[in-house]
Amino acid sequence: MTGLRLVIFDVDGTLIDSQNLIVAAMTDTFGAVGRPVPPRAEVLQIVVLSLELAMARLAPDLDAAGIDALVAAYRAAFLRLRSQTGGEAASPLYPGARAAIEALHARPEVLLGVATGKARRGLDHAFAAHGLDRFFVTRQTADTHPSKPHPAMIEAALAETGVEPPRAVMVGDTSYDIAMARAAGVAAIGVSWGYHAAEALLAAGAAQVIDGFGALEAAIDTIWGQR
């Protein structure tokens, strides 16, 4: 068994606070096609899903062509709003995120990865805006995998790094993140500042829910000590 360990992060709602940009883009999208705008809380519940699945949840009466039109409109609205507000200003890192990433990256046995509902283009833009490129050795995105909670993203991250499931941890803010991890045989830590309540994360199987990045290393070490 390899001596390496792997910490996999979700992005939106876990590392990056993108909710205002996402809600604004959804508002523009539904307005552009003449449909009622979904409530903010409903939008935030589906953030982690692939765009196609998210739109199907928000507009269940539409056929495939209608969903495709929503997806295209959202992508255009998101890019326009992001360019207007600026990369880092549009979606800032949550407090303590950078320090936690740097601390884990400094541990020679720990590799870092992401499993996100973003497309690769969006992830690359976010990482460039925040200077995060050098930290993450495996990056799994929605345009090359089934939507969460399917375990494909985590399975690919494990395969790329050679790390076995007991030596990996997933960190996420939604029940989809937690369910994905559990389906891949990986322990999961929930964060309370994202899109799903702590109760939902625990019900999905999170080993622990933390209230700040300052508690992350200890939570990870507790899980690995138990395994």
C-alpha atoms as a PDB file:
ATOM      1  CA  MET A   1       0.000   0.000   0.000  1.00  0.00           C
ATOM      2  CA  THR A   2       1.275   3.466  -0.902  1.00  0.00           C
ATOM      3  CA  GLY A   3       2.292   5.718   1.977  1.00  0.00           C
ATOM      4  CA  LEU A   4       0.572   8.698   0.372  1.00  0.00           C
ATOM      5  CA  ARG A   5      -2.719  10.133   1.536  1.00  0.00           C
ATOM      6  CA  LEU A   6      -5.271  12.168  -0.385  1.00  0.00           C
ATOM      7  CA  VAL A   7      -7.598  15.006   0.599  1.00  0.00           C
ATOM      8  CA  ILE A   8     -10.251  15.771  -2.026  1.00  0.00           C
ATOM      9  CA  PHE A   9     -12.134  19.073  -1.876  1.00  0.00           C
ATOM     10  CA  ASP A  10     -15.386  20.177  -3.380  1.00  0.00           C
ATOM     11  CA  VAL A  11     -15.047  23.736  -4.744  1.00  0.00           C
ATOM     12  CA  ASP A  12     -18.263  25.811  -4.807  1.00  0.00           C
ATOM     13  CA  GLY A  13     -19.589  26.157  -1.270  1.00  0.00           C
ATOM     14  CA  THR A  14     -16.515  24.518   0.261  1.00  0.00           C
ATOM     15  CA  LEU A  15     -13.428  26.414  -0.912  1.00  0.00           C
ATOM     16  CA  ILE A  16     -15.012  29.251  -2.869  1.00  0.00           C
ATOM     17  CA  ASP A  17     -18.025  31.386  -1.943  1.00  0.00           C
ATOM     18  CA  SER A  18     -19.681  31.570  -5.341  1.00  0.00           C
ATOM     19  CA  GLN A  19     -23.317  31.625  -4.276  1.00  0.00           C
ATOM     20  CA  ASN A  20     -24.048  35.261  -5.191  1.00  0.00           C
ATOM     21  CA  LEU A  21     -22.617  34.794  -8.683  1.00  0.00           C
ATOM     22  CA  ILE A  22     -24.486  31.507  -9.189  1.00  0.00           C
ATOM     23  CA  VAL A  23     -27.830  32.927  -8.012  1.00  0.00           C
ATOM     24  CA  ALA A  24     -27.407  36.036 -10.187  1.00  0.00           C
ATOM     25  CA  ALA A  25     -26.623  33.881 -13.231  1.00  0.00           C
ATOM     26  CA  MET A  26     -29.656  31.675 -12.560  1.00  0.00           C
ATOM     27  CA  THR A  27     -31.860  34.759 -12.203  1.00  0.00           C
ATOM     28  CA  ASP A  28     -30.670  36.084 -15.577  1.00  0.00           C
ATOM     29  CA  THR A  29     -31.035  32.669 -17.176  1.00  0.00           C
ATOM     30  CA  PHE A  30     -34.626  32.013 -16.189  1.00  0.00           C
ATOM     31  CA  GLY A  31     -35.592  35.611 -16.914  1.00  0.00           C
ATOM     32  CA  ALA A  32     -34.083  35.371 -20.393  1.00  0.00           C
ATOM     33  CA  VAL A  33     -36.236  32.371 -21.308  1.00  0.00           C
ATOM     34  CA  GLY A  34     -39.378  33.785 -19.706  1.00  0.00           C
ATOM     35  CA  ARG A  35     -39.661  31.331 -16.833  1.00  0.00           C
ATOM     36  CA  PRO A  36     -40.245  32.083 -13.138  1.00  0.00           C
ATOM     37  CA  VAL A  37     -36.959  32.422 -11.272  1.00  0.00           C
ATOM     38  CA  PRO A  38     -36.486  29.583  -8.741  1.00  0.00           C
ATOM     39  CA  PRO A  39     -36.146  30.636  -5.101  1.00  0.00           C
ATOM     40  CA  ARG A  40     -32.582  31.255  -3.925  1.00  0.00           C
ATOM     41  CA  ALA A  41     -32.741  28.344  -1.470  1.00  0.00           C
ATOM     42  CA  GLU A  42     -33.816  25.976  -4.243  1.00  0.00           C
ATOM     43  CA  VAL A  43     -30.955  27.110  -6.485  1.00  0.00           C
ATOM     44  CA  LEU A  44     -28.384  26.622  -3.750  1.00  0.00           C
ATOM     45  CA  GLN A  45     -29.561  23.066  -3.119  1.00  0.00           C
ATOM     46  CA  ILE A  46     -28.491  21.965  -6.618  1.00  0.00           C
ATOM     47  CA  VAL A  47     -25.201  23.859  -6.987  1.00  0.00           C
ATOM     48  CA  VAL A  48     -23.000  20.775  -6.762  1.00  0.00           C
ATOM     49  CA  LEU A  49     -24.837  18.897  -9.534  1.00  0.00           C
ATOM     50  CA  SER A  50     -23.864  18.963 -13.199  1.00  0.00           C
ATOM     51  CA  LEU A  51     -25.608  21.774 -15.077  1.00  0.00           C
ATOM     52  CA  GLU A  52     -27.831  19.420 -17.052  1.00  0.00           C
ATOM     53  CA  LEU A  53     -29.068  17.644 -13.938  1.00  0.00           C
ATOM     54  CA  ALA A  54     -29.406  20.906 -12.010  1.00  0.00           C
ATOM     55  CA  MET A  55     -31.578  22.451 -14.717  1.00  0.00           C
ATOM     56  CA  ALA A  56     -33.693  19.301 -14.905  1.00  0.00           C
ATOM     57  CA  ARG A  57     -34.333  19.612 -11.158  1.00  0.00           C
ATOM     58  CA  LEU A  58     -35.210  23.313 -11.424  1.00  0.00           C
ATOM     59  CA  ALA A  59     -37.394  22.924 -14.536  1.00  0.00           C
ATOM     60  CA  PRO A  60     -38.756  19.347 -14.464  1.00  0.00           C
ATOM     61  CA  ASP A  61     -41.414  20.096 -17.094  1.00  0.00           C
ATOM     62  CA  LEU A  62     -38.911  20.849 -19.855  1.00  0.00           C
ATOM     63  CA  ASP A  63     -37.801  18.382 -22.493  1.00  0.00           C
ATOM     64  CA  ALA A  64     -34.162  17.750 -23.422  1.00  0.00           C
ATOM     65  CA  ALA A  65     -34.059  20.666 -25.866  1.00  0.00           C
ATOM     66  CA  GLY A  66     -35.438  23.025 -23.244  1.00  0.00           C
ATOM     67  CA  ILE A  67     -32.848  21.870 -20.707  1.00  0.00           C
ATOM     68  CA  ASP A  68     -30.078  22.369 -23.249  1.00  0.00           C
ATOM     69  CA  ALA A  69     -31.310  25.925 -23.863  1.00  0.00           C
ATOM     70  CA  LEU A  70     -31.244  26.668 -20.131  1.00  0.00           C
ATOM     71  CA  VAL A  71     -27.733  25.259 -19.812  1.00  0.00           C
ATOM     72  CA  ALA A  72     -26.472  27.390 -22.692  1.00  0.00           C
ATOM     73  CA  ALA A  73     -28.157  30.500 -21.310  1.00  0.00           C
ATOM     74  CA  TYR A  74     -26.693  29.900 -17.866  1.00  0.00           C
ATOM     75  CA  ARG A  75     -23.164  29.471 -19.182  1.00  0.00           C
ATOM     76  CA  ALA A  76     -23.444  32.730 -21.114  1.00  0.00           C
ATOM     77  CA  ALA A  77     -24.891  34.593 -18.117  1.00  0.00           C
ATOM     78  CA  PHE A  78     -22.264  33.199 -15.738  1.00  0.00           C
ATOM     79  CA  LEU A  79     -19.360  34.204 -17.995  1.00  0.00           C
ATOM     80  CA  ARG A  80     -20.809  37.684 -18.531  1.00  0.00           C
ATOM     81  CA  LEU A  81     -21.381  38.325 -14.836  1.00  0.00           C
ATOM     82  CA  ARG A  82     -17.997  36.920 -13.882  1.00  0.00           C
ATOM     83  CA  SER A  83     -16.242  39.237 -16.328  1.00  0.00           C
ATOM     84  CA  GLN A  84     -18.195  42.212 -14.997  1.00  0.00           C
ATOM     85  CA  THR A  85     -17.392  41.582 -11.345  1.00  0.00           C
ATOM     86  CA  GLY A  86     -13.844  40.227 -11.695  1.00  0.00           C
ATOM     87  CA  GLY A  87     -12.560  36.721 -10.925  1.00  0.00           C
ATOM     88  CA  GLU A  88     -11.543  36.822  -7.278  1.00  0.00           C
ATOM     89  CA  ALA A  89     -14.089  39.471  -6.287  1.00  0.00           C
ATOM     90  CA  ALA A  90     -16.902  37.483  -7.886  1.00  0.00           C
ATOM     91  CA  SER A  91     -16.185  34.306  -5.899  1.00  0.00           C
ATOM     92  CA  PRO A  92     -13.820  34.798  -2.923  1.00  0.00           C
ATOM     93  CA  LEU A  93     -12.203  32.006  -0.960  1.00  0.00           C
ATOM     94  CA  TYR A  94     -13.874  31.234   2.344  1.00  0.00           C
ATOM     95  CA  PRO A  95     -11.963  32.478   5.396  1.00  0.00           C
ATOM     96  CA  GLY A  96      -9.137  30.111   6.287  1.00  0.00           C
ATOM     97  CA  ALA A  97      -9.308  28.136   3.043  1.00  0.00           C
ATOM     98  CA  ARG A  98      -5.900  29.156   1.739  1.00  0.00           C
ATOM     99  CA  ALA A  99      -4.172  28.557   5.075  1.00  0.00           C
ATOM    100  CA  ALA A 100      -5.719  25.081   5.315  1.00  0.00           C
ATOM    101  CA  ILE A 101      -4.677  24.210   1.759  1.00  0.00           C
ATOM    102  CA  GLU A 102      -1.125  25.430   2.372  1.00  0.00           C
ATOM    103  CA  ALA A 103      -0.840  23.503   5.652  1.00  0.00           C
ATOM    104  CA  LEU A 104      -1.991  20.240   4.091  1.00  0.00           C
ATOM    105  CA  HIS A 105       0.173  20.773   1.024  1.00  0.00           C
ATOM    106  CA  ALA A 106       3.203  21.212   3.278  1.00  0.00           C
ATOM    107  CA  ARG A 107       2.795  17.680   4.624  1.00  0.00           C
ATOM    108  CA  PRO A 108       4.939  15.457   2.370  1.00  0.00           C
ATOM    109  CA  GLU A 109       2.633  12.445   2.603  1.00  0.00           C
ATOM    110  CA  VAL A 110      -0.534  14.393   1.663  1.00  0.00           C
ATOM    111  CA  LEU A 111      -1.760  14.971  -1.891  1.00  0.00           C
ATOM    112  CA  LEU A 112      -4.611  17.342  -2.668  1.00  0.00           C
ATOM    113  CA  GLY A 113      -7.361  16.992  -5.247  1.00  0.00           C
ATOM    114  CA  VAL A 114     -10.737  18.397  -6.205  1.00  0.00           C
ATOM    115  CA  ALA A 115     -14.022  16.831  -7.271  1.00  0.00           C
ATOM    116  CA  THR A 116     -16.353  19.541  -8.510  1.00  0.00           C
ATOM    117  CA  GLY A 117     -19.555  20.149 -10.389  1.00  0.00           C
ATOM    118  CA  LYS A 118     -17.726  22.844 -12.336  1.00  0.00           C
ATOM    119  CA  ALA A 119     -16.537  22.267 -15.877  1.00  0.00           C
ATOM    120  CA  ARG A 120     -12.776  22.147 -16.341  1.00  0.00           C
ATOM    121  CA  ARG A 121     -12.766  25.599 -17.908  1.00  0.00           C
ATOM    122  CA  GLY A 122     -14.515  27.085 -14.880  1.00  0.00           C
ATOM    123  CA  LEU A 123     -12.235  25.296 -12.441  1.00  0.00           C
ATOM    124  CA  ASP A 124      -9.128  26.482 -14.280  1.00  0.00           C
ATOM    125  CA  HIS A 125     -10.408  30.064 -14.170  1.00  0.00           C
ATOM    126  CA  ALA A 126     -11.167  29.866 -10.452  1.00  0.00           C
ATOM    127  CA  PHE A 127      -7.776  28.366  -9.624  1.00  0.00           C
ATOM    128  CA  ALA A 128      -5.972  30.959 -11.736  1.00  0.00           C
ATOM    129  CA  ALA A 129      -7.893  33.777 -10.043  1.00  0.00           C
ATOM    130  CA  HIS A 130      -6.893  32.524  -6.587  1.00  0.00           C
ATOM    131  CA  GLY A 131      -3.417  31.218  -7.387  1.00  0.00           C
ATOM    132  CA  LEU A 132      -4.297  27.642  -6.425  1.00  0.00           C
ATOM    133  CA  ASP A 133      -2.929  25.764  -9.446  1.00  0.00           C
ATOM    134  CA  ARG A 134       0.220  24.450  -7.774  1.00  0.00           C
ATOM    135  CA  PHE A 135      -1.563  22.777  -4.859  1.00  0.00           C
ATOM    136  CA  PHE A 136      -3.805  20.196  -6.556  1.00  0.00           C
ATOM    137  CA  VAL A 137      -2.455  17.110  -8.314  1.00  0.00           C
ATOM    138  CA  THR A 138      -5.788  15.623  -9.395  1.00  0.00           C
ATOM    139  CA  ARG A 139      -8.759  17.620 -10.667  1.00  0.00           C
ATOM    140  CA  GLN A 140     -12.042  15.886 -11.461  1.00  0.00           C
ATOM    141  CA  THR A 141     -14.762  17.943 -13.145  1.00  0.00           C
ATOM    142  CA  ALA A 142     -18.345  17.562 -14.301  1.00  0.00           C
ATOM    143  CA  ASP A 143     -17.543  17.579 -18.005  1.00  0.00           C
ATOM    144  CA  THR A 144     -15.676  14.261 -17.798  1.00  0.00           C
ATOM    145  CA  HIS A 145     -17.729  12.398 -15.174  1.00  0.00           C
ATOM    146  CA  PRO A 146     -21.315  11.621 -14.196  1.00  0.00           C
ATOM    147  CA  SER A 147     -22.868  14.109 -11.799  1.00  0.00           C
ATOM    148  CA  LYS A 148     -22.430  13.697  -8.057  1.00  0.00           C
ATOM    149  CA  PRO A 149     -23.291  11.595  -6.067  1.00  0.00           C
ATOM    150  CA  HIS A 150     -21.926   9.054  -8.560  1.00  0.00           C
ATOM    151  CA  PRO A 151     -18.492   7.982  -7.210  1.00  0.00           C
ATOM    152  CA  ALA A 152     -16.645   8.293 -10.552  1.00  0.00           C
ATOM    153  CA  MET A 153     -14.820  11.512  -9.629  1.00  0.00           C
ATOM    154  CA  ILE A 154     -13.368  10.087  -6.435  1.00  0.00           C
ATOM    155  CA  GLU A 155     -12.558   6.768  -8.074  1.00  0.00           C
ATOM    156  CA  ALA A 156     -10.630   8.615 -10.790  1.00  0.00           C
ATOM    157  CA  ALA A 157      -8.766  10.713  -8.211  1.00  0.00           C
ATOM    158  CA  LEU A 158      -7.761   7.569  -6.328  1.00  0.00           C
ATOM    159  CA  ALA A 159      -6.612   5.888  -9.534  1.00  0.00           C
ATOM    160  CA  GLU A 160      -4.569   8.913 -10.617  1.00  0.00           C
ATOM    161  CA  THR A 161      -2.773   9.238  -7.290  1.00  0.00           C
ATOM    162  CA  GLY A 162      -2.452   5.562  -6.379  1.00  0.00           C
ATOM    163  CA  VAL A 163      -4.073   6.190  -2.998  1.00  0.00           C
ATOM    164  CA  GLU A 164      -6.406   3.561  -1.552  1.00  0.00           C
ATOM    165  CA  PRO A 165      -9.839   4.559  -0.188  1.00  0.00           C
ATOM    166  CA  PRO A 166      -8.992   4.210   3.551  1.00  0.00           C
ATOM    167  CA  ARG A 167      -6.187   6.758   3.092  1.00  0.00           C
ATOM    168  CA  ALA A 168      -8.388   9.390   1.444  1.00  0.00           C
ATOM    169  CA  VAL A 169     -10.860  11.962   2.772  1.00  0.00           C
ATOM    170  CA  MET A 170     -13.495  14.007   0.946  1.00  0.00           C
ATOM    171  CA  VAL A 171     -14.333  17.528   2.180  1.00  0.00           C
ATOM    172  CA  GLY A 172     -17.614  18.999   0.976  1.00  0.00           C
ATOM    173  CA  ASP A 173     -20.620  21.121   1.816  1.00  0.00           C
ATOM    174  CA  THR A 174     -23.522  19.096   0.368  1.00  0.00           C
ATOM    175  CA  SER A 175     -25.099  15.734   0.947  1.00  0.00           C
ATOM    176  CA  TYR A 176     -24.148  14.881  -2.665  1.00  0.00           C
ATOM    177  CA  ASP A 177     -20.458  15.272  -1.772  1.00  0.00           C
ATOM    178  CA  ILE A 178     -20.867  13.038   1.255  1.00  0.00           C
ATOM    179  CA  ALA A 179     -22.863  10.385  -0.633  1.00  0.00           C
ATOM    180  CA  MET A 180     -20.280  10.378  -3.427  1.00  0.00           C
ATOM    181  CA  ALA A 181     -17.501   9.755  -0.924  1.00  0.00           C
ATOM    182  CA  ARG A 182     -19.385   7.012   0.866  1.00  0.00           C
ATOM    183  CA  ALA A 183     -20.153   5.285  -2.455  1.00  0.00           C
ATOM    184  CA  ALA A 184     -16.409   5.252  -3.198  1.00  0.00           C
ATOM    185  CA  GLY A 185     -15.513   3.864   0.231  1.00  0.00           C
ATOM    186  CA  VAL A 186     -13.940   7.143   1.344  1.00  0.00           C
ATOM    187  CA  ALA A 187     -14.581   8.967   4.623  1.00  0.00           C
ATOM    188  CA  ALA A 188     -16.156  12.413   4.354  1.00  0.00           C
ATOM    189  CA  ILE A 189     -15.997  15.633   6.357  1.00  0.00           C
ATOM    190  CA  GLY A 190     -18.795  18.155   5.965  1.00  0.00           C
ATOM    191  CA  VAL A 191     -18.444  21.917   6.263  1.00  0.00           C
ATOM    192  CA  SER A 192     -21.211  23.998   7.805  1.00  0.00           C
ATOM    193  CA  TRP A 193     -20.728  27.188   5.757  1.00  0.00           C
ATOM    194  CA  GLY A 194     -21.916  25.836   2.399  1.00  0.00           C
ATOM    195  CA  TYR A 195     -25.232  24.960   0.790  1.00  0.00           C
ATOM    196  CA  HIS A 196     -26.621  22.082   2.890  1.00  0.00           C
ATOM    197  CA  ALA A 197     -27.331  22.039   6.613  1.00  0.00           C
ATOM    198  CA  ALA A 198     -25.094  20.142   9.010  1.00  0.00           C
ATOM    199  CA  GLU A 199     -27.949  17.764   9.807  1.00  0.00           C
ATOM    200  CA  ALA A 200     -28.218  16.771   6.135  1.00  0.00           C
ATOM    201  CA  LEU A 201     -24.471  16.176   5.921  1.00  0.00           C
ATOM    202  CA  LEU A 202     -24.471  13.939   8.993  1.00  0.00           C
ATOM    203  CA  ALA A 203     -27.525  12.067   7.721  1.00  0.00           C
ATOM    204  CA  ALA A 204     -25.704  11.432   4.432  1.00  0.00           C
ATOM    205  CA  GLY A 205     -22.826   9.836   6.326  1.00  0.00           C
ATOM    206  CA  ALA A 206     -20.325  12.575   7.150  1.00  0.00           C
ATOM    207  CA  ALA A 207     -17.897  11.463   9.861  1.00  0.00           C
ATOM    208  CA  GLN A 208     -17.882  15.006  11.206  1.00  0.00           C
ATOM    209  CA  VAL A 209     -19.074  18.502  10.302  1.00  0.00           C
ATOM    210  CA  ILE A 210     -16.660  21.359  10.977  1.00  0.00           C
ATOM    211  CA  ASP A 211     -17.525  25.037  11.474  1.00  0.00           C
ATOM    212  CA  GLY A 212     -14.244  26.495  10.233  1.00  0.00           C
ATOM    213  CA  PHE A 213     -11.125  25.572   8.287  1.00  0.00           C
ATOM    214  CA  GLY A 214      -9.101  25.793  11.473  1.00  0.00           C
ATOM    215  CA  ALA A 215     -10.645  22.481  12.540  1.00  0.00           C
ATOM    216  CA  LEU A 216      -9.944  20.641   9.293  1.00  0.00           C
ATOM    217  CA  GLU A 217      -6.513  19.111   9.932  1.00  0.00           C
ATOM    218  CA  ALA A 218      -7.531  17.720  13.302  1.00  0.00           C
ATOM    219  CA  ALA A 219     -10.700  16.225  11.792  1.00  0.00           C
ATOM    220  CA  ILE A 220      -8.707  14.593   9.000  1.00  0.00           C
ATOM    221  CA  ASP A 221      -6.103  13.211  11.390  1.00  0.00           C
ATOM    222  CA  THR A 222      -8.848  11.794  13.613  1.00  0.00           C
ATOM    223  CA  ILE A 223     -10.331   9.893  10.659  1.00  0.00           C
ATOM    224  CA  TRP A 224      -6.969   8.576   9.527  1.00  0.00           C
ATOM    225  CA  GLY A 225      -6.092   7.577  13.076  1.00  0.00           C
ATOM    226  CA  GLN A 226      -9.290   5.548  13.260  1.00  0.00           C
ATOM    227  CA  ARG A 227      -8.542   3.877   9.913  1.00  0.00           C
END
